[in-house]
Amino acid sequence: MGRFIDRFLSRNVTGIARLLVVLAALLLLPAYFAPLWRLTMYAPQYPDGLYLDIYSYKLEGGNKGQDLKEINVLNHYIGMRDLVAEDFTEFKWMPFVIGALILLLLRAAVFAHGGQLLDCAMLYVYFALFSLWSFAYKLYSYGHSLDPTAAVRVDPFMPPLFGAKQLANFEVYSYPALASYALGGTALALAAAVVLTVRQ
């Protein structure tokens, strides 16, 4: 087993596997211009819905930003603090981490050794899991840090991380957006490159 691992770590990555590593790097680029996640809220008074897109570096409300202002007004009534970019530390480090991953993947594609490929794959898995946990924790903290003196009292809650949930008279939907699907493609491309290199 140890001999097999040593061979894999020192093995040159060639052919399709190398192209898959380049593809994995390119699939990270949408994180700079497309949203990662979209939250949508429907209620009788909002039949067209309120939209909130979450990027790797900003929040953007639908209707030219008016939806985010409306959401913050609604949050004020139940004692939830405003959704502002300054509260999201992820916006400060995520673009830099994605850029570093792109450079590491391109470096692995050029030098193309199994060890570098495996390092990139493990770093990416850690980045993806930590980012998902960070997003879930942010949702939890917003819904569980309510002002007890708010005009409308509601029980602490957590907006859905994925799927739909009824919150008071609102139906809230939370689903990945374009950039997240591209990041999922990065994971698949890296996994395929590792498998091809192992089978080489």
Protein backbone atom coordinates (compact mmCIF):
# COMPACT_ATOMS: atom_id res chain seq x y z
CA MET A 1 0.00 0.00 0.00
CA GLY A 2 2.80 2.41 0.91
CA ARG A 3 4.57 1.67 -2.37
CA PHE A 4 1.36 2.39 -4.30
CA ILE A 5 0.92 5.73 -2.51
CA ASP A 6 4.54 6.68 -3.21
CA ARG A 7 4.07 5.89 -6.90
CA PHE A 8 0.89 7.94 -7.05
CA LEU A 9 2.44 10.97 -5.34
CA SER A 10 5.43 11.03 -7.69
CA ARG A 11 3.52 10.06 -10.85
CA ASN A 12 3.23 12.56 -13.69
CA VAL A 13 -0.32 13.63 -14.47
CA THR A 14 -0.84 13.45 -18.21
CA GLY A 15 -3.46 13.67 -20.93
CA ILE A 16 -7.09 14.06 -19.97
CA ALA A 17 -6.29 14.31 -16.26
CA ARG A 18 -4.16 17.41 -16.88
CA LEU A 19 -6.95 19.00 -18.92
CA LEU A 20 -9.40 18.25 -16.11
CA VAL A 21 -7.20 20.17 -13.67
CA VAL A 22 -7.23 23.17 -16.01
CA LEU A 23 -11.01 22.84 -16.31
CA ALA A 24 -11.29 22.73 -12.51
CA ALA A 25 -9.41 26.05 -12.31
CA LEU A 26 -11.58 27.69 -14.98
CA LEU A 27 -14.77 26.60 -13.22
CA LEU A 28 -13.77 28.70 -10.22
CA LEU A 29 -13.96 31.92 -12.25
CA PRO A 30 -17.78 32.31 -12.11
CA ALA A 31 -17.44 32.92 -8.36
CA TYR A 32 -16.19 36.40 -9.27
CA PHE A 33 -19.21 37.51 -11.28
CA ALA A 34 -22.13 35.17 -10.55
CA PRO A 35 -24.09 34.57 -7.31
CA LEU A 36 -23.33 31.57 -5.13
CA TRP A 37 -26.75 31.35 -3.48
CA ARG A 38 -30.23 32.81 -3.83
CA LEU A 39 -32.82 33.28 -1.10
CA THR A 40 -36.39 34.04 -2.18
CA MET A 41 -39.24 35.08 0.11
CA TYR A 42 -42.93 34.93 -0.85
CA ALA A 43 -45.86 36.28 1.13
CA PRO A 44 -49.40 37.48 0.30
CA GLN A 45 -48.13 41.08 0.28
CA TYR A 46 -45.15 40.06 -1.89
CA PRO A 47 -46.63 37.79 -4.58
CA ASP A 48 -43.66 38.41 -6.89
CA GLY A 49 -41.21 37.54 -4.13
CA LEU A 50 -38.22 39.27 -2.54
CA TYR A 51 -34.85 38.11 -3.82
CA LEU A 52 -31.44 38.10 -2.20
CA ASP A 53 -28.39 36.93 -4.13
CA ILE A 54 -25.25 36.05 -2.18
CA TYR A 55 -21.97 36.43 -4.04
CA SER A 56 -18.47 35.57 -2.87
CA TYR A 57 -17.93 39.26 -2.10
CA LYS A 58 -21.31 41.00 -1.72
CA LEU A 59 -25.05 40.82 -1.08
CA GLU A 60 -27.37 41.96 -3.84
CA GLY A 61 -31.11 42.39 -3.53
CA GLY A 62 -33.52 42.01 -6.40
CA ASN A 63 -35.38 44.92 -7.99
CA LYS A 64 -32.15 46.98 -8.24
CA GLY A 65 -31.33 46.50 -4.57
CA GLN A 66 -34.76 47.45 -3.24
CA ASP A 67 -35.55 43.89 -2.12
CA LEU A 68 -32.63 43.90 0.33
CA LYS A 69 -33.87 47.17 1.85
CA GLU A 70 -37.36 45.69 2.15
CA ILE A 71 -36.02 42.52 3.77
CA ASN A 72 -34.10 44.60 6.33
CA VAL A 73 -37.28 46.57 7.15
CA LEU A 74 -39.13 43.31 7.76
CA ASN A 75 -36.23 41.97 9.83
CA HIS A 76 -36.36 45.11 12.00
CA TYR A 77 -39.92 44.30 13.10
CA ILE A 78 -38.92 40.87 14.40
CA GLY A 79 -35.68 42.08 15.97
CA MET A 80 -33.24 40.62 13.48
CA ARG A 81 -30.22 42.77 12.71
CA ASP A 82 -29.83 44.17 9.22
CA LEU A 83 -28.19 42.10 6.51
CA VAL A 84 -25.11 44.14 5.65
CA ALA A 85 -21.94 43.14 3.83
CA GLU A 86 -19.79 44.29 6.77
CA ASP A 87 -21.13 41.40 8.89
CA PHE A 88 -19.95 38.82 6.36
CA THR A 89 -16.25 38.24 6.98
CA GLU A 90 -16.43 35.66 4.20
CA PHE A 91 -16.58 38.49 1.67
CA LYS A 92 -13.09 39.56 2.76
CA TRP A 93 -11.29 36.24 2.42
CA MET A 94 -13.28 34.17 -0.05
CA PRO A 95 -12.22 35.98 -3.28
CA PHE A 96 -8.55 35.70 -2.26
CA VAL A 97 -8.85 32.00 -1.39
CA ILE A 98 -10.56 31.29 -4.71
CA GLY A 99 -7.78 33.15 -6.53
CA ALA A 100 -5.13 31.17 -4.64
CA LEU A 101 -6.89 27.91 -5.54
CA ILE A 102 -6.94 28.90 -9.22
CA LEU A 103 -3.18 29.56 -9.14
CA LEU A 104 -2.48 26.30 -7.31
CA LEU A 105 -4.57 24.32 -9.77
CA LEU A 106 -2.84 25.90 -12.77
CA ARG A 107 0.52 25.19 -11.15
CA ALA A 108 -0.52 21.57 -10.61
CA ALA A 109 -1.58 21.37 -14.26
CA VAL A 110 1.84 22.62 -15.40
CA PHE A 111 4.04 20.53 -13.12
CA ALA A 112 1.44 17.77 -12.94
CA HIS A 113 2.51 15.39 -10.19
CA GLY A 114 0.12 13.23 -8.24
CA GLY A 115 1.17 14.77 -4.94
CA GLN A 116 0.32 18.29 -6.09
CA LEU A 117 -2.97 17.10 -7.52
CA LEU A 118 -3.90 15.42 -4.25
CA ASP A 119 -2.91 18.52 -2.25
CA CYS A 120 -5.15 20.70 -4.42
CA ALA A 121 -8.05 18.28 -4.11
CA MET A 122 -7.78 18.16 -0.31
CA LEU A 123 -7.48 21.95 -0.03
CA TYR A 124 -10.55 22.35 -2.20
CA VAL A 125 -12.58 19.91 -0.12
CA TYR A 126 -11.63 21.81 3.03
CA PHE A 127 -12.50 25.15 1.41
CA ALA A 128 -15.89 23.89 0.21
CA LEU A 129 -16.87 22.32 3.54
CA PHE A 130 -15.70 25.31 5.58
CA SER A 131 -17.55 27.75 3.30
CA LEU A 132 -20.77 25.75 3.59
CA TRP A 133 -20.42 25.56 7.38
CA SER A 134 -19.73 29.29 7.56
CA PHE A 135 -22.86 30.07 5.53
CA ALA A 136 -25.00 27.78 7.71
CA TYR A 137 -23.61 29.32 10.90
CA LYS A 138 -24.34 32.81 9.58
CA LEU A 139 -27.97 31.86 8.90
CA TYR A 140 -28.25 30.33 12.38
CA SER A 141 -26.75 33.34 14.15
CA TYR A 142 -29.05 35.81 12.36
CA GLY A 143 -32.15 33.84 13.31
CA HIS A 144 -31.06 33.23 16.91
CA SER A 145 -29.89 36.74 17.83
CA LEU A 146 -33.25 38.46 17.94
CA ASP A 147 -33.91 41.65 19.88
CA PRO A 148 -36.32 40.78 22.74
CA THR A 149 -37.78 44.31 22.59
CA ALA A 150 -38.81 44.00 18.93
CA ALA A 151 -42.31 45.00 17.89
CA VAL A 152 -43.14 41.45 16.79
CA ARG A 153 -42.03 38.51 18.94
CA VAL A 154 -41.09 35.31 17.13
CA ASP A 155 -39.31 32.21 18.30
CA PRO A 156 -35.65 31.89 17.27
CA PHE A 157 -35.36 30.21 13.90
CA MET A 158 -32.92 29.30 11.17
CA PRO A 159 -33.63 30.23 7.54
CA PRO A 160 -33.25 27.20 5.28
CA LEU A 161 -29.76 26.38 4.09
CA PHE A 162 -31.19 24.34 1.24
CA GLY A 163 -34.82 23.91 0.26
CA ALA A 164 -38.00 25.61 1.46
CA LYS A 165 -39.30 26.60 4.88
CA GLN A 166 -42.38 28.38 6.22
CA LEU A 167 -41.44 31.32 8.48
CA ALA A 168 -44.52 33.12 9.82
CA ASN A 169 -46.47 34.13 6.70
CA PHE A 170 -43.42 33.88 4.46
CA GLU A 171 -42.34 30.97 2.33
CA VAL A 172 -38.55 31.08 2.16
CA TYR A 173 -36.61 29.24 -0.53
CA SER A 174 -32.85 28.81 -0.50
CA TYR A 175 -30.96 27.20 -3.36
CA PRO A 176 -27.48 27.26 -4.92
CA ALA A 177 -26.99 29.66 -7.83
CA LEU A 178 -24.74 29.56 -10.91
CA ALA A 179 -21.39 30.00 -9.16
CA SER A 180 -22.10 27.16 -6.73
CA TYR A 181 -22.89 24.79 -9.59
CA ALA A 182 -19.60 25.81 -11.20
CA LEU A 183 -17.79 25.11 -7.90
CA GLY A 184 -19.45 21.71 -7.86
CA GLY A 185 -18.06 21.17 -11.35
CA THR A 186 -14.60 21.95 -9.98
CA ALA A 187 -15.01 19.20 -7.39
CA LEU A 188 -16.11 16.70 -10.05
CA ALA A 189 -13.25 17.63 -12.37
CA LEU A 190 -10.69 17.22 -9.58
CA ALA A 191 -12.18 13.90 -8.49
CA ALA A 192 -12.06 12.63 -12.08
CA ALA A 193 -8.44 13.78 -12.45
CA VAL A 194 -7.44 11.92 -9.29
CA VAL A 195 -9.23 8.75 -10.40
CA LEU A 196 -7.62 8.85 -13.85
CA THR A 197 -4.19 9.38 -12.32
CA VAL A 198 -4.69 6.45 -9.94
CA ARG A 199 -5.76 4.20 -12.84
CA GLN A 200 -2.89 5.36 -15.01
